[in-house]
Amino acid sequence: FAEADPTSDVEGFDAAYKLSILGSMAFRTC
């Protein structure tokens, strides 16, 4: 479930990438 280097997940980078996409779609602006 976690990579050998889990930084992207456990430090919130992965979720921030996804929020950028979802927020942009939801709020119709970047």
Full PDB file with SEQRES, HELIX, SHEET, SSBOND, CRYST1, ORIGX, SCALE, CONECT and MASTER records, all heavy atoms in Angstrom:
SEQRES   1 A   30  PHE ALA GLU ALA ASP PRO THR SER ASP VAL GLU GLY PHE          
SEQRES   2 A   30  ASP ALA ALA TYR LYS LEU SER ILE LEU GLY SER MET ALA          
SEQRES   3 A   30  PHE ARG THR CYS                                              
HELIX    1 AA1 THR A    7  VAL A   10  1                                   4    
HELIX    2 AA2 PHE A   13  PHE A   27  1                                  15    
CRYST1    1.000    1.000    1.000  90.00  90.00  90.00 P 1           1          
ORIGX1      1.000000  0.000000  0.000000        0.00000                         
ORIGX2      0.000000  1.000000  0.000000        0.00000                         
ORIGX3      0.000000  0.000000  1.000000        0.00000                         
SCALE1      1.000000  0.000000  0.000000        0.00000                         
SCALE2      0.000000  1.000000  0.000000        0.00000                         
SCALE3      0.000000  0.000000  1.000000        0.00000                         
ATOM      1  N   PHE A   1       0.823  -1.203   0.000  1.00  0.00           N  
ATOM      2  CA  PHE A   1       0.000   0.000   0.000  1.00  0.00           C  
ATOM      3  C   PHE A   1       0.862   1.261   0.000  1.00  0.00           C  
ATOM      4  O   PHE A   1       0.414   2.327  -0.423  1.00  0.00           O  
ATOM      5  CB  PHE A   1      -0.938   0.032   1.210  1.00  0.00           C  
ATOM      6  CG  PHE A   1      -2.043  -0.988   1.149  1.00  0.00           C  
ATOM      7  CD1 PHE A   1      -2.215  -1.902   2.169  1.00  0.00           C  
ATOM      8  CD2 PHE A   1      -2.905  -1.031   0.072  1.00  0.00           C  
ATOM      9  CE1 PHE A   1      -3.228  -2.842   2.125  1.00  0.00           C  
ATOM     10  CE2 PHE A   1      -3.920  -1.976   0.008  1.00  0.00           C  
ATOM     11  CZ  PHE A   1      -4.090  -2.885   1.037  1.00  0.00           C  
ATOM     12  N   ALA A   2       2.077   1.155   0.533  1.00  0.00           N  
ATOM     13  CA  ALA A   2       2.985   2.302   0.590  1.00  0.00           C  
ATOM     14  C   ALA A   2       4.278   1.965  -0.143  1.00  0.00           C  
ATOM     15  O   ALA A   2       4.752   0.822  -0.113  1.00  0.00           O  
ATOM     16  CB  ALA A   2       3.292   2.673   2.044  1.00  0.00           C  
ATOM     17  N   GLU A   3       4.836   2.975  -0.806  1.00  0.00           N  
ATOM     18  CA  GLU A   3       6.098   2.798  -1.513  1.00  0.00           C  
ATOM     19  C   GLU A   3       7.262   2.699  -0.521  1.00  0.00           C  
ATOM     20  O   GLU A   3       7.135   3.080   0.645  1.00  0.00           O  
ATOM     21  CB  GLU A   3       6.338   3.992  -2.444  1.00  0.00           C  
ATOM     22  CG  GLU A   3       5.254   4.207  -3.488  1.00  0.00           C  
ATOM     23  CD  GLU A   3       5.275   3.159  -4.581  1.00  0.00           C  
ATOM     24  OE1 GLU A   3       6.308   2.467  -4.724  1.00  0.00           O  
ATOM     25  OE2 GLU A   3       4.260   3.022  -5.292  1.00  0.00           O  
ATOM     26  N   ALA A   4       8.407   2.212  -1.016  1.00  0.00           N  
ATOM     27  CA  ALA A   4       9.609   2.178  -0.178  1.00  0.00           C  
ATOM     28  C   ALA A   4       9.949   3.587   0.301  1.00  0.00           C  
ATOM     29  O   ALA A   4      10.359   3.788   1.447  1.00  0.00           O  
ATOM     30  CB  ALA A   4      10.771   1.579  -0.959  1.00  0.00           C  
ATOM     31  N   ASP A   5       9.803   4.578  -0.586  1.00  0.00           N  
ATOM     32  CA  ASP A   5       9.886   5.990  -0.199  1.00  0.00           C  
ATOM     33  C   ASP A   5       8.470   6.538  -0.206  1.00  0.00           C  
ATOM     34  O   ASP A   5       7.920   6.866  -1.262  1.00  0.00           O  
ATOM     35  CB  ASP A   5      10.748   6.778  -1.178  1.00  0.00           C  
ATOM     36  CG  ASP A   5      10.826   8.263  -0.810  1.00  0.00           C  
ATOM     37  OD1 ASP A   5      10.202   8.680   0.194  1.00  0.00           O  
ATOM     38  OD2 ASP A   5      11.498   9.026  -1.538  1.00  0.00           O  
ATOM     39  N   PRO A   6       7.825   6.633   0.973  1.00  0.00           N  
ATOM     40  CA  PRO A   6       6.412   6.998   1.032  1.00  0.00           C  
ATOM     41  C   PRO A   6       6.150   8.496   1.068  1.00  0.00           C  
ATOM     42  O   PRO A   6       5.018   8.928   1.310  1.00  0.00           O  
ATOM     43  CB  PRO A   6       5.976   6.356   2.356  1.00  0.00           C  
ATOM     44  CG  PRO A   6       7.193   6.511   3.229  1.00  0.00           C  
ATOM     45  CD  PRO A   6       8.383   6.343   2.309  1.00  0.00           C  
ATOM     46  N   THR A   7       7.174   9.308   0.818  1.00  0.00           N  
ATOM     47  CA  THR A   7       7.071  10.757   1.038  1.00  0.00           C  
ATOM     48  C   THR A   7       5.880  11.381   0.344  1.00  0.00           C  
ATOM     49  O   THR A   7       5.141  12.181   0.942  1.00  0.00           O  
ATOM     50  CB  THR A   7       8.364  11.463   0.575  1.00  0.00           C  
ATOM     51  OG1 THR A   7       9.470  10.912   1.274  1.00  0.00           O  
ATOM     52  CG2 THR A   7       8.290  12.961   0.849  1.00  0.00           C  
ATOM     53  N   SER A   8       5.678  11.067  -0.927  1.00  0.00           N  
ATOM     54  CA  SER A   8       4.593  11.704  -1.678  1.00  0.00           C  
ATOM     55  C   SER A   8       3.248  11.496  -1.005  1.00  0.00           C  
ATOM     56  O   SER A   8       2.412  12.411  -0.961  1.00  0.00           O  
ATOM     57  CB  SER A   8       4.548  11.161  -3.109  1.00  0.00           C  
ATOM     58  OG  SER A   8       3.514  11.782  -3.844  1.00  0.00           O  
ATOM     59  N   ASP A   9       3.036  10.302  -0.466  1.00  0.00           N  
ATOM     60  CA  ASP A   9       1.765  10.007   0.201  1.00  0.00           C  
ATOM     61  C   ASP A   9       1.698  10.607   1.601  1.00  0.00           C  
ATOM     62  O   ASP A   9       0.794  11.369   1.920  1.00  0.00           O  
ATOM     63  CB  ASP A   9       1.559   8.494   0.277  1.00  0.00           C  
ATOM     64  CG  ASP A   9       1.341   7.864  -1.085  1.00  0.00           C  
ATOM     65  OD1 ASP A   9       0.614   8.452  -1.906  1.00  0.00           O  
ATOM     66  OD2 ASP A   9       1.906   6.783  -1.319  1.00  0.00           O  
ATOM     67  N   VAL A  10       2.670  10.250   2.452  1.00  0.00           N  
ATOM     68  CA  VAL A  10       2.541  10.589   3.872  1.00  0.00           C  
ATOM     69  C   VAL A  10       2.757  12.066   4.160  1.00  0.00           C  
ATOM     70  O   VAL A  10       2.309  12.575   5.192  1.00  0.00           O  
ATOM     71  CB  VAL A  10       3.486   9.728   4.738  1.00  0.00           C  
ATOM     72  CG1 VAL A  10       3.159   8.248   4.561  1.00  0.00           C  
ATOM     73  CG2 VAL A  10       4.947  10.007   4.432  1.00  0.00           C  
ATOM     74  N   GLU A  11       3.420  12.785   3.253  1.00  0.00           N  
ATOM     75  CA  GLU A  11       3.593  14.228   3.445  1.00  0.00           C  
ATOM     76  C   GLU A  11       2.521  15.042   2.715  1.00  0.00           C  
ATOM     77  O   GLU A  11       2.590  16.270   2.675  1.00  0.00           O  
ATOM     78  CB  GLU A  11       4.984  14.662   2.987  1.00  0.00           C  
ATOM     79  CG  GLU A  11       6.121  14.110   3.833  1.00  0.00           C  
ATOM     80  CD  GLU A  11       6.140  14.642   5.262  1.00  0.00           C  
ATOM     81  OE1 GLU A  11       5.303  15.504   5.599  1.00  0.00           O  
ATOM     82  OE2 GLU A  11       6.996  14.196   6.048  1.00  0.00           O  
ATOM     83  N   GLY A  12       1.554  14.362   2.120  1.00  0.00           N  
ATOM     84  CA  GLY A  12       0.396  15.061   1.554  1.00  0.00           C  
ATOM     85  C   GLY A  12       0.562  15.567   0.132  1.00  0.00           C  
ATOM     86  O   GLY A  12      -0.357  16.207  -0.395  1.00  0.00           O  
ATOM     87  N   PHE A  13       1.691  15.287  -0.529  1.00  0.00           N  
ATOM     88  CA  PHE A  13       1.875  15.767  -1.907  1.00  0.00           C  
ATOM     89  C   PHE A  13       0.841  15.170  -2.850  1.00  0.00           C  
ATOM     90  O   PHE A  13       0.215  15.882  -3.655  1.00  0.00           O  
ATOM     91  CB  PHE A  13       3.284  15.431  -2.408  1.00  0.00           C  
ATOM     92  CG  PHE A  13       4.377  16.223  -1.746  1.00  0.00           C  
ATOM     93  CD1 PHE A  13       5.124  15.681  -0.716  1.00  0.00           C  
ATOM     94  CD2 PHE A  13       4.652  17.518  -2.153  1.00  0.00           C  
ATOM     95  CE1 PHE A  13       6.137  16.404  -0.102  1.00  0.00           C  
ATOM     96  CE2 PHE A  13       5.662  18.258  -1.544  1.00  0.00           C  
ATOM     97  CZ  PHE A  13       6.407  17.705  -0.511  1.00  0.00           C  
ATOM     98  N   ASP A  14       0.669  13.846  -2.785  1.00  0.00           N  
ATOM     99  CA  ASP A  14      -0.276  13.164  -3.671  1.00  0.00           C  
ATOM    100  C   ASP A  14      -1.682  13.741  -3.524  1.00  0.00           C  
ATOM    101  O   ASP A  14      -2.358  14.024  -4.514  1.00  0.00           O  
ATOM    102  CB  ASP A  14      -0.285  11.663  -3.350  1.00  0.00           C  
ATOM    103  CG  ASP A  14      -1.292  10.892  -4.167  1.00  0.00           C  
ATOM    104  OD1 ASP A  14      -0.981  10.529  -5.312  1.00  0.00           O  
ATOM    105  OD2 ASP A  14      -2.404  10.647  -3.657  1.00  0.00           O  
ATOM    106  N   ALA A  15      -2.129  13.932  -2.288  1.00  0.00           N  
ATOM    107  CA  ALA A  15      -3.468  14.482  -2.063  1.00  0.00           C  
ATOM    108  C   ALA A  15      -3.571  15.919  -2.558  1.00  0.00           C  
ATOM    109  O   ALA A  15      -4.616  16.344  -3.061  1.00  0.00           O  
ATOM    110  CB  ALA A  15      -3.825  14.400  -0.578  1.00  0.00           C  
ATOM    111  N   ALA A  16      -2.490  16.680  -2.435  1.00  0.00           N  
ATOM    112  CA  ALA A  16      -2.507  18.065  -2.912  1.00  0.00           C  
ATOM    113  C   ALA A  16      -2.606  18.119  -4.436  1.00  0.00           C  
ATOM    114  O   ALA A  16      -3.296  18.978  -4.995  1.00  0.00           O  
ATOM    115  CB  ALA A  16      -1.266  18.809  -2.435  1.00  0.00           C  
ATOM    116  N   TYR A  17      -1.901  17.207  -5.138  1.00  0.00           N  
ATOM    117  CA  TYR A  17      -2.039  17.150  -6.599  1.00  0.00           C  
ATOM    118  C   TYR A  17      -3.505  16.918  -6.966  1.00  0.00           C  
ATOM    119  O   TYR A  17      -4.066  17.587  -7.851  1.00  0.00           O  
ATOM    120  CB  TYR A  17      -1.213  16.001  -7.185  1.00  0.00           C  
ATOM    121  CG  TYR A  17       0.280  16.068  -6.965  1.00  0.00           C  
ATOM    122  CD1 TYR A  17       1.028  14.908  -6.756  1.00  0.00           C  
ATOM    123  CD2 TYR A  17       0.955  17.282  -6.978  1.00  0.00           C  
ATOM    124  CE1 TYR A  17       2.390  14.942  -6.569  1.00  0.00           C  
ATOM    125  CE2 TYR A  17       2.332  17.324  -6.785  1.00  0.00           C  
ATOM    126  CZ  TYR A  17       3.041  16.152  -6.568  1.00  0.00           C  
ATOM    127  OH  TYR A  17       4.404  16.203  -6.381  1.00  0.00           O  
ATOM    128  N   LYS A  18      -4.117  15.960  -6.301  1.00  0.00           N  
ATOM    129  CA  LYS A  18      -5.503  15.609  -6.617  1.00  0.00           C  
ATOM    130  C   LYS A  18      -6.457  16.743  -6.261  1.00  0.00           C  
ATOM    131  O   LYS A  18      -7.424  16.998  -6.994  1.00  0.00           O  
ATOM    132  CB  LYS A  18      -5.890  14.324  -5.876  1.00  0.00           C  
ATOM    133  CG  LYS A  18      -5.119  13.100  -6.353  1.00  0.00           C  
ATOM    134  CD  LYS A  18      -5.374  11.901  -5.446  1.00  0.00           C  
ATOM    135  CE  LYS A  18      -4.562  10.694  -5.882  1.00  0.00           C  
ATOM    136  NZ  LYS A  18      -4.683   9.567  -4.920  1.00  0.00           N  
ATOM    137  N   LEU A  19      -6.204  17.420  -5.145  1.00  0.00           N  
ATOM    138  CA  LEU A  19      -7.077  18.537  -4.773  1.00  0.00           C  
ATOM    139  C   LEU A  19      -6.977  19.671  -5.786  1.00  0.00           C  
ATOM    140  O   LEU A  19      -7.973  20.351  -6.073  1.00  0.00           O  
ATOM    141  CB  LEU A  19      -6.734  19.046  -3.373  1.00  0.00           C  
ATOM    142  CG  LEU A  19      -7.580  20.228  -2.877  1.00  0.00           C  
ATOM    143  CD1 LEU A  19      -9.070  19.880  -2.863  1.00  0.00           C  
ATOM    144  CD2 LEU A  19      -7.127  20.674  -1.493  1.00  0.00           C  
ATOM    145  N   SER A  20      -5.788  19.900  -6.328  1.00  0.00           N  
ATOM    146  CA  SER A  20      -5.642  20.915  -7.367  1.00  0.00           C  
ATOM    147  C   SER A  20      -6.551  20.598  -8.549  1.00  0.00           C  
ATOM    148  O   SER A  20      -7.244  21.488  -9.083  1.00  0.00           O  
ATOM    149  CB  SER A  20      -4.182  20.992  -7.827  1.00  0.00           C  
ATOM    150  OG  SER A  20      -4.041  21.873  -8.917  1.00  0.00           O  
ATOM    151  N   ILE A  21      -6.584  19.329  -8.957  1.00  0.00           N  
ATOM    152  CA  ILE A  21      -7.429  18.919 -10.081  1.00  0.00           C  
ATOM    153  C   ILE A  21      -8.907  18.991  -9.709  1.00  0.00           C  
ATOM    154  O   ILE A  21      -9.726  19.599 -10.412  1.00  0.00           O  
ATOM    155  CB  ILE A  21      -7.050  17.494 -10.527  1.00  0.00           C  
ATOM    156  CG1 ILE A  21      -5.602  17.459 -11.033  1.00  0.00           C  
ATOM    157  CG2 ILE A  21      -8.007  16.987 -11.603  1.00  0.00           C  
ATOM    158  CD1 ILE A  21      -5.042  16.060 -11.216  1.00  0.00           C  
ATOM    159  N   LEU A  22      -9.269  18.373  -8.594  1.00  0.00           N  
ATOM    160  CA  LEU A  22     -10.676  18.334  -8.191  1.00  0.00           C  
ATOM    161  C   LEU A  22     -11.218  19.727  -7.879  1.00  0.00           C  
ATOM    162  O   LEU A  22     -12.342  20.063  -8.250  1.00  0.00           O  
ATOM    163  CB  LEU A  22     -10.843  17.424  -6.972  1.00  0.00           C  
ATOM    164  CG  LEU A  22     -10.566  15.935  -7.190  1.00  0.00           C  
ATOM    165  CD1 LEU A  22     -10.620  15.187  -5.863  1.00  0.00           C  
ATOM    166  CD2 LEU A  22     -11.564  15.344  -8.174  1.00  0.00           C  
ATOM    167  N   GLY A  23     -10.417  20.539  -7.182  1.00  0.00           N  
ATOM    168  CA  GLY A  23     -10.855  21.891  -6.869  1.00  0.00           C  
ATOM    169  C   GLY A  23     -11.039  22.734  -8.109  1.00  0.00           C  
ATOM    170  O   GLY A  23     -11.998  23.520  -8.223  1.00  0.00           O  
ATOM    171  N   SER A  24     -10.134  22.575  -9.062  1.00  0.00           N  
ATOM    172  CA  SER A  24     -10.248  23.324 -10.311  1.00  0.00           C  
ATOM    173  C   SER A  24     -11.505  22.932 -11.070  1.00  0.00           C  
ATOM    174  O   SER A  24     -12.197  23.781 -11.634  1.00  0.00           O  
ATOM    175  CB  SER A  24      -9.006  23.090 -11.177  1.00  0.00           C  
ATOM    176  OG  SER A  24      -7.842  23.550 -10.528  1.00  0.00           O  
ATOM    177  N   MET A  25     -11.800  21.636 -11.100  1.00  0.00           N  
ATOM    178  CA  MET A  25     -13.013  21.171 -11.771  1.00  0.00           C  
ATOM    179  C   MET A  25     -14.265  21.613 -11.024  1.00  0.00           C  
ATOM    180  O   MET A  25     -15.242  22.047 -11.629  1.00  0.00           O  
ATOM    181  CB  MET A  25     -12.991  19.640 -11.872  1.00  0.00           C  
ATOM    182  CG  MET A  25     -11.833  19.063 -12.655  1.00  0.00           C  
ATOM    183  SD  MET A  25     -11.851  19.482 -14.404  1.00  0.00           S  
ATOM    184  CE  MET A  25     -13.250  18.526 -14.967  1.00  0.00           C  
ATOM    185  N   ALA A  26     -14.235  21.512  -9.697  1.00  0.00           N  
ATOM    186  CA  ALA A  26     -15.424  21.831  -8.911  1.00  0.00           C  
ATOM    187  C   ALA A  26     -15.764  23.308  -8.938  1.00  0.00           C  
ATOM    188  O   ALA A  26     -16.939  23.689  -9.042  1.00  0.00           O  
ATOM    189  CB  ALA A  26     -15.222  21.375  -7.461  1.00  0.00           C  
ATOM    190  N   PHE A  27     -14.743  24.154  -8.843  1.00  0.00           N  
ATOM    191  CA  PHE A  27     -14.971  25.591  -8.717  1.00  0.00           C  
ATOM    192  C   PHE A  27     -14.819  26.346 -10.034  1.00  0.00           C  
ATOM    193  O   PHE A  27     -14.927  27.565 -10.084  1.00  0.00           O  
ATOM    194  CB  PHE A  27     -14.029  26.177  -7.668  1.00  0.00           C  
ATOM    195  CG  PHE A  27     -14.144  25.502  -6.326  1.00  0.00           C  
ATOM    196  CD1 PHE A  27     -13.011  25.113  -5.625  1.00  0.00           C  
ATOM    197  CD2 PHE A  27     -15.381  25.227  -5.766  1.00  0.00           C  
ATOM    198  CE1 PHE A  27     -13.109  24.484  -4.387  1.00  0.00           C  
ATOM    199  CE2 PHE A  27     -15.493  24.594  -4.532  1.00  0.00           C  
ATOM    200  CZ  PHE A  27     -14.357  24.219  -3.845  1.00  0.00           C  
ATOM    201  N   ARG A  28     -14.560  25.598 -11.121  1.00  0.00           N  
ATOM    202  CA  ARG A  28     -14.497  26.166 -12.473  1.00  0.00           C  
ATOM    203  C   ARG A  28     -13.442  27.260 -12.607  1.00  0.00           C  
ATOM    204  O   ARG A  28     -13.623  28.251 -13.311  1.00  0.00           O  
ATOM    205  CB  ARG A  28     -15.869  26.710 -12.900  1.00  0.00           C  
ATOM    206  CG  ARG A  28     -17.034  25.764 -12.679  1.00  0.00           C  
ATOM    207  CD  ARG A  28     -16.940  24.524 -13.547  1.00  0.00           C  
ATOM    208  NE  ARG A  28     -18.047  23.597 -13.258  1.00  0.00           N  
ATOM    209  CZ  ARG A  28     -18.214  22.415 -13.842  1.00  0.00           C  
ATOM    210  NH1 ARG A  28     -17.327  22.005 -14.731  1.00  0.00           N  
ATOM    211  NH2 ARG A  28     -19.221  21.641 -13.536  1.00  0.00           N  
ATOM    212  N   THR A  29     -12.357  27.099 -11.902  1.00  0.00           N  
ATOM    213  CA  THR A  29     -11.228  28.018 -12.020  1.00  0.00           C  
ATOM    214  C   THR A  29      -9.979  27.285 -11.570  1.00  0.00           C  
ATOM    215  O   THR A  29     -10.081  26.281 -10.847  1.00  0.00           O  
ATOM    216  CB  THR A  29     -11.435  29.278 -11.156  1.00  0.00           C  
ATOM    217  OG1 THR A  29     -10.356  30.187 -11.370  1.00  0.00           O  
ATOM    218  CG2 THR A  29     -11.511  28.937  -9.675  1.00  0.00           C  
ATOM    219  N   CYS A  30      -8.843  27.732 -11.973  1.00  0.00           N  
ATOM    220  CA  CYS A  30      -7.614  27.052 -11.586  1.00  0.00           C  
ATOM    221  C   CYS A  30      -7.351  27.207 -10.088  1.00  0.00           C  
ATOM    222  O   CYS A  30      -7.395  28.315  -9.556  1.00  0.00           O  
ATOM    223  CB  CYS A  30      -6.431  27.618 -12.378  1.00  0.00           C  
ATOM    224  SG  CYS A  30      -4.853  26.879 -11.915  1.00  0.00           S  
TER     225      CYS A  30                                                      
MASTER        0    0    0    2    0    0    0    6  224    1    0    3          
END                                                                             
